[in-house]
Amino acid sequence: MARKIKAILCIGILLVVLGVAPALAGDLHLGLEWQDDDGAELAAVKLEYSLNDYWRIRGIYDWDDEAFSPGVIYRMKPKRMFTSYLGVGLRDVNDGAGLDVSLGKKTELILGLEFNVAKVSAAVEARTLPADWFADDDDETGYDTEIGFSINIGFSPSRLPWRRDADLYLLAQIITVEAGDEPYLGQVAVGAVVMNRVASPKFPDSIRAVVTQPNQFHSWPKAKYVEPTESCLRAAKEAMAGVDPTHGALFFYNPDKASPEGRRYFEQANLKVTVKIGRHVFLK
């Protein structure tokens, strides 16, 4: 009965995470882990959330030991096919193994190597307790070093079906503020720049993260309170469908409204002008 209750609680936590996820900018990564306990056995489910390209928070539930272990990991070279990472976590915070040990003795170090192809990854990971390194025989934690192999699938909450309307509205808001008085093609172009950034490895990979990225869209504090116009909603829909009159631009500016520093940056930066639409110049 206790195991069923814990399983139900873990499923509930997962559903809450998925419910909150659409408001988040990063990706979720869901995986299954095989552990080397008397032969490789499927033993755990793993859920991670990307704070950015480098940092992730995660939780692992081992159903054999009824143990939930949260942690934080740092990925060394996140854009590479092979990525090493390290982190710190707490082993079995719910005492599923029935062991009465302090949090200090549950603190674990995490070391792993991940192979990435698109949104699918395979990882080999070791989790060990420093408390065991210095423990006497009478002071053992009762935990072993864990070696696991996992297969993980990543997905962006912003691309879930129930999120697209929210992304459409957000994109239309930024278009309204940046290009509400521009011709319709110029409105589509501003939306296309946002979508090009989402697709580029140089920028975040969701509309919300691109629009709210620091030092980029300075109009965002105003845009989030704006009711988008009908034309900007149509323009956002076209941009999200892949229409791109900018020919791959990642930047745009209005020479008449830009600050002297802004004009100087775009004039001196090693960027190529792709097109001029209305009063905006688009570059990549």
C-alpha atoms as a PDB file:
ATOM      1  CA  MET A   1       0.000   0.000   0.000  1.00  0.00           C
ATOM      2  CA  ALA A   2       2.820   2.414   0.917  1.00  0.00           C
ATOM      3  CA  ARG A   3       4.519   1.770  -2.422  1.00  0.00           C
ATOM      4  CA  LYS A   4       1.291   2.497  -4.305  1.00  0.00           C
ATOM      5  CA  ILE A   5       0.819   5.748  -2.383  1.00  0.00           C
ATOM      6  CA  LYS A   6       4.366   6.873  -3.200  1.00  0.00           C
ATOM      7  CA  ALA A   7       3.928   5.949  -6.848  1.00  0.00           C
ATOM      8  CA  ILE A   8       0.695   7.963  -6.979  1.00  0.00           C
ATOM      9  CA  LEU A   9       2.450  10.929  -5.345  1.00  0.00           C
ATOM     10  CA  CYS A  10       5.286  10.789  -7.898  1.00  0.00           C
ATOM     11  CA  ILE A  11       2.816  10.632 -10.778  1.00  0.00           C
ATOM     12  CA  GLY A  12       1.017  13.618  -9.240  1.00  0.00           C
ATOM     13  CA  ILE A  13       4.272  15.578  -9.025  1.00  0.00           C
ATOM     14  CA  LEU A  14       4.995  14.780 -12.665  1.00  0.00           C
ATOM     15  CA  LEU A  15       1.537  15.983 -13.710  1.00  0.00           C
ATOM     16  CA  VAL A  16       2.018  19.216 -11.759  1.00  0.00           C
ATOM     17  CA  VAL A  17       5.374  19.762 -13.473  1.00  0.00           C
ATOM     18  CA  LEU A  18       3.811  19.210 -16.882  1.00  0.00           C
ATOM     19  CA  GLY A  19       0.974  21.553 -15.964  1.00  0.00           C
ATOM     20  CA  VAL A  20       3.345  24.324 -14.901  1.00  0.00           C
ATOM     21  CA  ALA A  21       5.795  23.659 -17.729  1.00  0.00           C
ATOM     22  CA  PRO A  22       4.028  25.741 -20.390  1.00  0.00           C
ATOM     23  CA  ALA A  23       4.813  28.876 -18.366  1.00  0.00           C
ATOM     24  CA  LEU A  24       8.508  27.982 -18.361  1.00  0.00           C
ATOM     25  CA  ALA A  25      11.045  28.895 -21.016  1.00  0.00           C
ATOM     26  CA  GLY A  26      13.400  25.912 -20.867  1.00  0.00           C
ATOM     27  CA  ASP A  27      13.138  22.347 -22.105  1.00  0.00           C
ATOM     28  CA  LEU A  28      12.017  19.285 -20.198  1.00  0.00           C
ATOM     29  CA  HIS A  29      13.918  16.000 -20.490  1.00  0.00           C
ATOM     30  CA  LEU A  30      12.175  12.754 -19.569  1.00  0.00           C
ATOM     31  CA  GLY A  31      14.139   9.516 -19.359  1.00  0.00           C
ATOM     32  CA  LEU A  32      14.349   5.946 -18.118  1.00  0.00           C
ATOM     33  CA  GLU A  33      17.432   4.700 -16.281  1.00  0.00           C
ATOM     34  CA  TRP A  34      18.947   1.229 -16.106  1.00  0.00           C
ATOM     35  CA  GLN A  35      21.134   0.626 -13.051  1.00  0.00           C
ATOM     36  CA  ASP A  36      23.947  -1.877 -12.570  1.00  0.00           C
ATOM     37  CA  ASP A  37      22.498  -3.890  -9.699  1.00  0.00           C
ATOM     38  CA  ASP A  38      23.218  -7.565 -10.329  1.00  0.00           C
ATOM     39  CA  GLY A  39      22.962  -6.877 -14.054  1.00  0.00           C
ATOM     40  CA  ALA A  40      21.476  -3.892 -15.806  1.00  0.00           C
ATOM     41  CA  GLU A  41      17.840  -3.501 -14.756  1.00  0.00           C
ATOM     42  CA  LEU A  42      15.330  -0.789 -15.569  1.00  0.00           C
ATOM     43  CA  ALA A  43      15.045   0.890 -12.185  1.00  0.00           C
ATOM     44  CA  ALA A  44      14.254   4.595 -12.332  1.00  0.00           C
ATOM     45  CA  VAL A  45      12.568   7.469 -14.140  1.00  0.00           C
ATOM     46  CA  LYS A  46      14.356  10.796 -14.554  1.00  0.00           C
ATOM     47  CA  LEU A  47      12.927  14.274 -15.186  1.00  0.00           C
ATOM     48  CA  GLU A  48      15.125  17.313 -15.843  1.00  0.00           C
ATOM     49  CA  TYR A  49      14.365  20.969 -16.551  1.00  0.00           C
ATOM     50  CA  SER A  50      16.839  23.212 -18.405  1.00  0.00           C
ATOM     51  CA  LEU A  51      17.361  26.549 -16.694  1.00  0.00           C
ATOM     52  CA  ASN A  52      19.606  27.416 -19.669  1.00  0.00           C
ATOM     53  CA  ASP A  53      22.061  25.564 -21.923  1.00  0.00           C
ATOM     54  CA  TYR A  54      24.397  24.823 -19.016  1.00  0.00           C
ATOM     55  CA  TRP A  55      22.301  24.325 -15.874  1.00  0.00           C
ATOM     56  CA  ARG A  56      19.549  21.795 -15.199  1.00  0.00           C
ATOM     57  CA  ILE A  57      17.536  20.828 -12.158  1.00  0.00           C
ATOM     58  CA  ARG A  58      16.403  17.241 -11.936  1.00  0.00           C
ATOM     59  CA  GLY A  59      14.648  14.541 -10.008  1.00  0.00           C
ATOM     60  CA  ILE A  60      15.159  10.755 -10.177  1.00  0.00           C
ATOM     61  CA  TYR A  61      12.684   8.268  -8.764  1.00  0.00           C
ATOM     62  CA  ASP A  62      13.982   4.731  -8.159  1.00  0.00           C
ATOM     63  CA  TRP A  63      10.877   2.577  -7.839  1.00  0.00           C
ATOM     64  CA  ASP A  64      12.753  -0.471  -6.515  1.00  0.00           C
ATOM     65  CA  ASP A  65      14.042   1.474  -3.497  1.00  0.00           C
ATOM     66  CA  GLU A  66      11.065   3.870  -3.487  1.00  0.00           C
ATOM     67  CA  ALA A  67      13.646   6.664  -3.423  1.00  0.00           C
ATOM     68  CA  PHE A  68      13.357  10.186  -4.818  1.00  0.00           C
ATOM     69  CA  SER A  69      16.645  12.062  -5.403  1.00  0.00           C
ATOM     70  CA  PRO A  70      16.685  15.720  -6.548  1.00  0.00           C
ATOM     71  CA  GLY A  71      19.788  17.452  -7.859  1.00  0.00           C
ATOM     72  CA  VAL A  72      21.405  20.192  -9.922  1.00  0.00           C
ATOM     73  CA  ILE A  73      23.819  19.512 -12.791  1.00  0.00           C
ATOM     74  CA  TYR A  74      26.165  21.664 -14.871  1.00  0.00           C
ATOM     75  CA  ARG A  75      26.871  20.681 -18.498  1.00  0.00           C
ATOM     76  CA  MET A  76      30.408  21.486 -19.651  1.00  0.00           C
ATOM     77  CA  LYS A  77      29.917  21.899 -23.428  1.00  0.00           C
ATOM     78  CA  PRO A  78      26.163  21.847 -24.047  1.00  0.00           C
ATOM     79  CA  LYS A  79      26.305  22.433 -27.807  1.00  0.00           C
ATOM     80  CA  ARG A  80      28.517  19.392 -28.467  1.00  0.00           C
ATOM     81  CA  MET A  81      27.361  15.928 -29.498  1.00  0.00           C
ATOM     82  CA  PHE A  82      29.241  14.509 -26.485  1.00  0.00           C
ATOM     83  CA  THR A  83      28.666  16.485 -23.293  1.00  0.00           C
ATOM     84  CA  SER A  84      30.223  15.828 -19.919  1.00  0.00           C
ATOM     85  CA  TYR A  85      28.474  17.098 -16.808  1.00  0.00           C
ATOM     86  CA  LEU A  86      28.806  17.187 -13.059  1.00  0.00           C
ATOM     87  CA  GLY A  87      26.473  18.078 -10.250  1.00  0.00           C
ATOM     88  CA  VAL A  88      25.308  17.667  -6.705  1.00  0.00           C
ATOM     89  CA  GLY A  89      22.168  16.077  -5.308  1.00  0.00           C
ATOM     90  CA  LEU A  90      20.461  14.526  -2.312  1.00  0.00           C
ATOM     91  CA  ARG A  91      20.034  10.758  -2.267  1.00  0.00           C
ATOM     92  CA  ASP A  92      16.676   9.308  -1.254  1.00  0.00           C
ATOM     93  CA  VAL A  93      15.180  12.385   0.439  1.00  0.00           C
ATOM     94  CA  ASN A  94      11.969  10.503   1.214  1.00  0.00           C
ATOM     95  CA  ASP A  95      13.821   7.721   3.097  1.00  0.00           C
ATOM     96  CA  GLY A  96      12.328   5.130   0.769  1.00  0.00           C
ATOM     97  CA  ALA A  97      15.103   2.718   1.672  1.00  0.00           C
ATOM     98  CA  GLY A  98      14.226   3.008   5.337  1.00  0.00           C
ATOM     99  CA  LEU A  99      17.627   4.432   6.296  1.00  0.00           C
ATOM    100  CA  ASP A 100      17.921   6.965   9.091  1.00  0.00           C
ATOM    101  CA  VAL A 101      20.775   9.193   7.906  1.00  0.00           C
ATOM    102  CA  SER A 102      21.334  12.951   7.916  1.00  0.00           C
ATOM    103  CA  LEU A 103      21.160  15.137   4.827  1.00  0.00           C
ATOM    104  CA  GLY A 104      24.941  15.558   5.029  1.00  0.00           C
ATOM    105  CA  LYS A 105      25.359  11.843   4.570  1.00  0.00           C
ATOM    106  CA  LYS A 106      22.872  11.855   1.702  1.00  0.00           C
ATOM    107  CA  THR A 107      24.656  14.548  -0.318  1.00  0.00           C
ATOM    108  CA  GLU A 108      25.931  12.955  -3.522  1.00  0.00           C
ATOM    109  CA  LEU A 109      28.271  13.980  -6.306  1.00  0.00           C
ATOM    110  CA  ILE A 110      27.126  13.401  -9.869  1.00  0.00           C
ATOM    111  CA  LEU A 111      29.414  12.763 -12.840  1.00  0.00           C
ATOM    112  CA  GLY A 112      28.144  11.867 -16.286  1.00  0.00           C
ATOM    113  CA  LEU A 113      28.735  11.714 -20.030  1.00  0.00           C
ATOM    114  CA  GLU A 114      25.886  12.366 -22.464  1.00  0.00           C
ATOM    115  CA  PHE A 115      25.560  11.643 -26.182  1.00  0.00           C
ATOM    116  CA  ASN A 116      23.096  13.984 -27.912  1.00  0.00           C
ATOM    117  CA  VAL A 117      21.303  13.624 -31.227  1.00  0.00           C
ATOM    118  CA  ALA A 118      18.616  16.281 -31.745  1.00  0.00           C
ATOM    119  CA  LYS A 119      16.206  15.927 -28.778  1.00  0.00           C
ATOM    120  CA  VAL A 120      17.247  12.368 -27.879  1.00  0.00           C
ATOM    121  CA  SER A 121      20.208  11.600 -25.635  1.00  0.00           C
ATOM    122  CA  ALA A 122      21.893   8.655 -23.961  1.00  0.00           C
ATOM    123  CA  ALA A 123      23.817   9.179 -20.723  1.00  0.00           C
ATOM    124  CA  VAL A 124      26.138   7.152 -18.504  1.00  0.00           C
ATOM    125  CA  GLU A 125      26.217   8.508 -14.970  1.00  0.00           C
ATOM    126  CA  ALA A 126      27.836   7.792 -11.606  1.00  0.00           C
ATOM    127  CA  ARG A 127      26.416   9.091  -8.327  1.00  0.00           C
ATOM    128  CA  THR A 128      28.535   8.682  -5.205  1.00  0.00           C
ATOM    129  CA  LEU A 129      28.363   9.856  -1.585  1.00  0.00           C
ATOM    130  CA  PRO A 130      31.455  11.669  -0.214  1.00  0.00           C
ATOM    131  CA  ALA A 131      30.321  10.626   3.283  1.00  0.00           C
ATOM    132  CA  ASP A 132      31.145   7.029   2.337  1.00  0.00           C
ATOM    133  CA  TRP A 133      34.730   7.937   1.473  1.00  0.00           C
ATOM    134  CA  PHE A 134      35.576   8.838   5.058  1.00  0.00           C
ATOM    135  CA  ALA A 135      33.131   6.620   6.917  1.00  0.00           C
ATOM    136  CA  ASP A 136      34.158   4.023   9.469  1.00  0.00           C
ATOM    137  CA  ASP A 137      32.565   0.593   9.272  1.00  0.00           C
ATOM    138  CA  ASP A 138      30.232   1.624  12.080  1.00  0.00           C
ATOM    139  CA  ASP A 139      29.357   4.894  10.351  1.00  0.00           C
ATOM    140  CA  GLU A 140      28.376   3.757   6.871  1.00  0.00           C
ATOM    141  CA  THR A 141      25.414   5.386   5.206  1.00  0.00           C
ATOM    142  CA  GLY A 142      24.099   2.125   3.834  1.00  0.00           C
ATOM    143  CA  TYR A 143      24.124   3.482   0.271  1.00  0.00           C
ATOM    144  CA  ASP A 144      26.322   2.340  -2.598  1.00  0.00           C
ATOM    145  CA  THR A 145      27.726   4.286  -5.512  1.00  0.00           C
ATOM    146  CA  GLU A 146      25.123   4.122  -8.270  1.00  0.00           C
ATOM    147  CA  ILE A 147      26.017   3.600 -11.923  1.00  0.00           C
ATOM    148  CA  GLY A 148      23.201   4.270 -14.369  1.00  0.00           C
ATOM    149  CA  PHE A 149      22.549   4.326 -18.094  1.00  0.00           C
ATOM    150  CA  SER A 150      19.596   6.364 -19.319  1.00  0.00           C
ATOM    151  CA  ILE A 151      17.742   7.153 -22.534  1.00  0.00           C
ATOM    152  CA  ASN A 152      16.172  10.620 -22.490  1.00  0.00           C
ATOM    153  CA  ILE A 153      13.804  12.561 -24.700  1.00  0.00           C
ATOM    154  CA  GLY A 154      13.759  16.364 -24.583  1.00  0.00           C
ATOM    155  CA  PHE A 155      10.851  18.565 -25.527  1.00  0.00           C
ATOM    156  CA  SER A 156      10.001  22.235 -25.257  1.00  0.00           C
ATOM    157  CA  PRO A 157       6.833  23.023 -23.260  1.00  0.00           C
ATOM    158  CA  SER A 158       6.361  26.020 -25.533  1.00  0.00           C
ATOM    159  CA  ARG A 159       5.732  23.610 -28.411  1.00  0.00           C
ATOM    160  CA  LEU A 160       3.085  21.561 -26.640  1.00  0.00           C
ATOM    161  CA  PRO A 161      -0.316  21.855 -28.349  1.00  0.00           C
ATOM    162  CA  TRP A 162      -1.969  23.715 -25.463  1.00  0.00           C
ATOM    163  CA  ARG A 163       0.878  26.256 -25.430  1.00  0.00           C
ATOM    164  CA  ARG A 164       0.765  27.441 -29.052  1.00  0.00           C
ATOM    165  CA  ASP A 165      -2.053  29.944 -28.477  1.00  0.00           C
ATOM    166  CA  ALA A 166      -0.080  31.531 -25.626  1.00  0.00           C
ATOM    167  CA  ASP A 167       3.037  31.765 -27.801  1.00  0.00           C
ATOM    168  CA  LEU A 168       1.000  33.258 -30.637  1.00  0.00           C
ATOM    169  CA  TYR A 169      -0.378  35.941 -28.326  1.00  0.00           C
ATOM    170  CA  LEU A 170       3.061  36.720 -26.865  1.00  0.00           C
ATOM    171  CA  LEU A 171       4.633  37.008 -30.320  1.00  0.00           C
ATOM    172  CA  ALA A 172       1.779  39.249 -31.469  1.00  0.00           C
ATOM    173  CA  GLN A 173       2.366  41.482 -28.432  1.00  0.00           C
ATOM    174  CA  ILE A 174       6.029  42.068 -29.285  1.00  0.00           C
ATOM    175  CA  ILE A 175       5.150  42.637 -32.965  1.00  0.00           C
ATOM    176  CA  THR A 176       2.501  45.193 -31.947  1.00  0.00           C
ATOM    177  CA  VAL A 177       4.989  47.226 -29.927  1.00  0.00           C
ATOM    178  CA  GLU A 178       7.923  46.878 -32.322  1.00  0.00           C
ATOM    179  CA  ALA A 179       6.068  47.146 -35.655  1.00  0.00           C
ATOM    180  CA  GLY A 180       2.439  48.043 -35.008  1.00  0.00           C
ATOM    181  CA  ASP A 181       2.763  51.097 -37.278  1.00  0.00           C
ATOM    182  CA  GLU A 182       4.752  49.240 -39.949  1.00  0.00           C
ATOM    183  CA  PRO A 183       3.299  47.702 -43.139  1.00  0.00           C
ATOM    184  CA  TYR A 184       1.919  44.185 -42.739  1.00  0.00           C
ATOM    185  CA  LEU A 185       5.003  42.612 -44.346  1.00  0.00           C
ATOM    186  CA  GLY A 186       7.140  44.449 -41.799  1.00  0.00           C
ATOM    187  CA  GLN A 187       5.045  42.983 -38.983  1.00  0.00           C
ATOM    188  CA  VAL A 188       5.571  39.472 -40.338  1.00  0.00           C
ATOM    189  CA  ALA A 189       9.280  40.253 -40.643  1.00  0.00           C
ATOM    190  CA  VAL A 190       9.620  41.184 -36.957  1.00  0.00           C
ATOM    191  CA  GLY A 191       7.871  37.946 -36.011  1.00  0.00           C
ATOM    192  CA  ALA A 192      10.201  36.052 -38.346  1.00  0.00           C
ATOM    193  CA  VAL A 193      13.254  37.469 -36.555  1.00  0.00           C
ATOM    194  CA  VAL A 194      11.929  36.032 -33.287  1.00  0.00           C
ATOM    195  CA  MET A 195      11.312  32.633 -34.931  1.00  0.00           C
ATOM    196  CA  ASN A 196      14.778  32.685 -36.546  1.00  0.00           C
ATOM    197  CA  ARG A 197      16.277  33.251 -33.118  1.00  0.00           C
ATOM    198  CA  VAL A 198      14.300  30.334 -31.700  1.00  0.00           C
ATOM    199  CA  ALA A 199      15.797  28.124 -34.424  1.00  0.00           C
ATOM    200  CA  SER A 200      19.347  29.481 -33.980  1.00  0.00           C
ATOM    201  CA  PRO A 201      21.804  27.839 -31.538  1.00  0.00           C
ATOM    202  CA  LYS A 202      23.012  31.350 -30.640  1.00  0.00           C
ATOM    203  CA  PHE A 203      19.720  32.223 -28.921  1.00  0.00           C
ATOM    204  CA  PRO A 204      17.227  30.528 -26.552  1.00  0.00           C
ATOM    205  CA  ASP A 205      14.951  27.918 -28.090  1.00  0.00           C
ATOM    206  CA  SER A 206      11.493  29.171 -27.169  1.00  0.00           C
ATOM    207  CA  ILE A 207       9.507  32.273 -28.094  1.00  0.00           C
ATOM    208  CA  ARG A 208       9.145  33.383 -24.484  1.00  0.00           C
ATOM    209  CA  ALA A 209      12.854  32.962 -23.759  1.00  0.00           C
ATOM    210  CA  VAL A 210      13.837  34.889 -26.911  1.00  0.00           C
ATOM    211  CA  VAL A 211      11.425  37.753 -26.267  1.00  0.00           C
ATOM    212  CA  THR A 212      12.388  38.085 -22.588  1.00  0.00           C
ATOM    213  CA  GLN A 213      16.145  37.587 -23.069  1.00  0.00           C
ATOM    214  CA  PRO A 214      18.002  40.386 -21.225  1.00  0.00           C
ATOM    215  CA  ASN A 215      19.358  43.289 -23.292  1.00  0.00           C
ATOM    216  CA  GLN A 216      17.516  42.257 -26.459  1.00  0.00           C
ATOM    217  CA  PHE A 217      13.875  43.372 -26.811  1.00  0.00           C
ATOM    218  CA  HIS A 218      13.836  46.481 -24.651  1.00  0.00           C
ATOM    219  CA  SER A 219      10.140  46.919 -25.441  1.00  0.00           C
ATOM    220  CA  TRP A 220       9.176  43.713 -23.610  1.00  0.00           C
ATOM    221  CA  PRO A 221       8.253  45.377 -20.276  1.00  0.00           C
ATOM    222  CA  LYS A 222       5.715  47.457 -22.217  1.00  0.00           C
ATOM    223  CA  ALA A 223       4.678  44.703 -24.647  1.00  0.00           C
ATOM    224  CA  LYS A 224       3.464  42.302 -21.972  1.00  0.00           C
ATOM    225  CA  TYR A 225       0.646  44.730 -21.092  1.00  0.00           C
ATOM    226  CA  VAL A 226      -0.375  45.454 -24.712  1.00  0.00           C
ATOM    227  CA  GLU A 227      -3.451  44.071 -26.454  1.00  0.00           C
ATOM    228  CA  PRO A 228      -2.165  42.879 -29.862  1.00  0.00           C
ATOM    229  CA  THR A 229      -3.841  44.174 -33.004  1.00  0.00           C
ATOM    230  CA  GLU A 230      -5.622  41.866 -35.438  1.00  0.00           C
ATOM    231  CA  SER A 231      -2.981  42.405 -38.120  1.00  0.00           C
ATOM    232  CA  CYS A 232      -0.180  41.612 -35.657  1.00  0.00           C
ATOM    233  CA  LEU A 233      -1.972  38.421 -34.608  1.00  0.00           C
ATOM    234  CA  ARG A 234      -2.164  37.400 -38.276  1.00  0.00           C
ATOM    235  CA  ALA A 235       1.488  38.328 -38.755  1.00  0.00           C
ATOM    236  CA  ALA A 236       2.500  36.254 -35.729  1.00  0.00           C
ATOM    237  CA  LYS A 237       0.581  33.265 -37.088  1.00  0.00           C
ATOM    238  CA  GLU A 238       2.356  33.558 -40.452  1.00  0.00           C
ATOM    239  CA  ALA A 239       5.771  33.881 -38.788  1.00  0.00           C
ATOM    240  CA  MET A 240       5.122  30.806 -36.628  1.00  0.00           C
ATOM    241  CA  ALA A 241       4.096  28.931 -39.799  1.00  0.00           C
ATOM    242  CA  GLY A 242       7.541  29.651 -41.293  1.00  0.00           C
ATOM    243  CA  VAL A 243       6.950  32.721 -43.470  1.00  0.00           C
ATOM    244  CA  ASP A 244      10.201  34.725 -43.481  1.00  0.00           C
ATOM    245  CA  PRO A 245      10.482  37.879 -45.625  1.00  0.00           C
ATOM    246  CA  THR A 246      13.796  38.704 -43.882  1.00  0.00           C
ATOM    247  CA  HIS A 247      15.789  35.858 -45.469  1.00  0.00           C
ATOM    248  CA  GLY A 248      17.052  34.538 -42.135  1.00  0.00           C
ATOM    249  CA  ALA A 249      17.637  37.788 -40.262  1.00  0.00           C
ATOM    250  CA  LEU A 250      18.429  37.625 -36.557  1.00  0.00           C
ATOM    251  CA  PHE A 251      18.432  41.374 -35.887  1.00  0.00           C
ATOM    252  CA  PHE A 252      16.477  44.470 -36.904  1.00  0.00           C
ATOM    253  CA  TYR A 253      16.483  48.155 -36.031  1.00  0.00           C
ATOM    254  CA  ASN A 254      14.933  51.456 -37.018  1.00  0.00           C
ATOM    255  CA  PRO A 255      17.717  53.929 -37.955  1.00  0.00           C
ATOM    256  CA  ASP A 256      15.404  56.883 -37.265  1.00  0.00           C
ATOM    257  CA  LYS A 257      14.562  55.805 -33.724  1.00  0.00           C
ATOM    258  CA  ALA A 258      17.715  53.981 -32.639  1.00  0.00           C
ATOM    259  CA  SER A 259      19.976  55.621 -30.099  1.00  0.00           C
ATOM    260  CA  PRO A 260      23.379  56.849 -31.328  1.00  0.00           C
ATOM    261  CA  GLU A 261      24.977  53.859 -29.602  1.00  0.00           C
ATOM    262  CA  GLY A 262      22.497  51.491 -31.252  1.00  0.00           C
ATOM    263  CA  ARG A 263      23.063  52.916 -34.740  1.00  0.00           C
ATOM    264  CA  ARG A 264      26.807  52.781 -34.242  1.00  0.00           C
ATOM    265  CA  TYR A 265      26.612  49.144 -33.134  1.00  0.00           C
ATOM    266  CA  PHE A 266      24.675  47.998 -36.211  1.00  0.00           C
ATOM    267  CA  GLU A 267      26.799  50.105 -38.561  1.00  0.00           C
ATOM    268  CA  GLN A 268      30.067  48.721 -37.170  1.00  0.00           C
ATOM    269  CA  ALA A 269      29.036  45.147 -36.325  1.00  0.00           C
ATOM    270  CA  ASN A 270      30.047  42.401 -38.707  1.00  0.00           C
ATOM    271  CA  LEU A 271      26.454  41.849 -39.837  1.00  0.00           C
ATOM    272  CA  LYS A 272      24.941  41.578 -43.304  1.00  0.00           C
ATOM    273  CA  VAL A 273      21.830  43.553 -44.250  1.00  0.00           C
ATOM    274  CA  THR A 274      19.315  41.082 -45.682  1.00  0.00           C
ATOM    275  CA  VAL A 275      16.419  43.425 -46.498  1.00  0.00           C
ATOM    276  CA  LYS A 276      14.785  46.766 -45.656  1.00  0.00           C
ATOM    277  CA  ILE A 277      11.039  46.716 -44.993  1.00  0.00           C
ATOM    278  CA  GLY A 278       9.260  49.917 -44.012  1.00  0.00           C
ATOM    279  CA  ARG A 279      11.476  51.756 -41.582  1.00  0.00           C
ATOM    280  CA  HIS A 280      13.267  48.653 -40.329  1.00  0.00           C
ATOM    281  CA  VAL A 281      16.614  47.298 -41.446  1.00  0.00           C
ATOM    282  CA  PHE A 282      17.045  43.519 -41.032  1.00  0.00           C
ATOM    283  CA  LEU A 283      20.449  41.885 -40.570  1.00  0.00           C
ATOM    284  CA  LYS A 284      22.084  38.526 -39.899  1.00  0.00           C
END
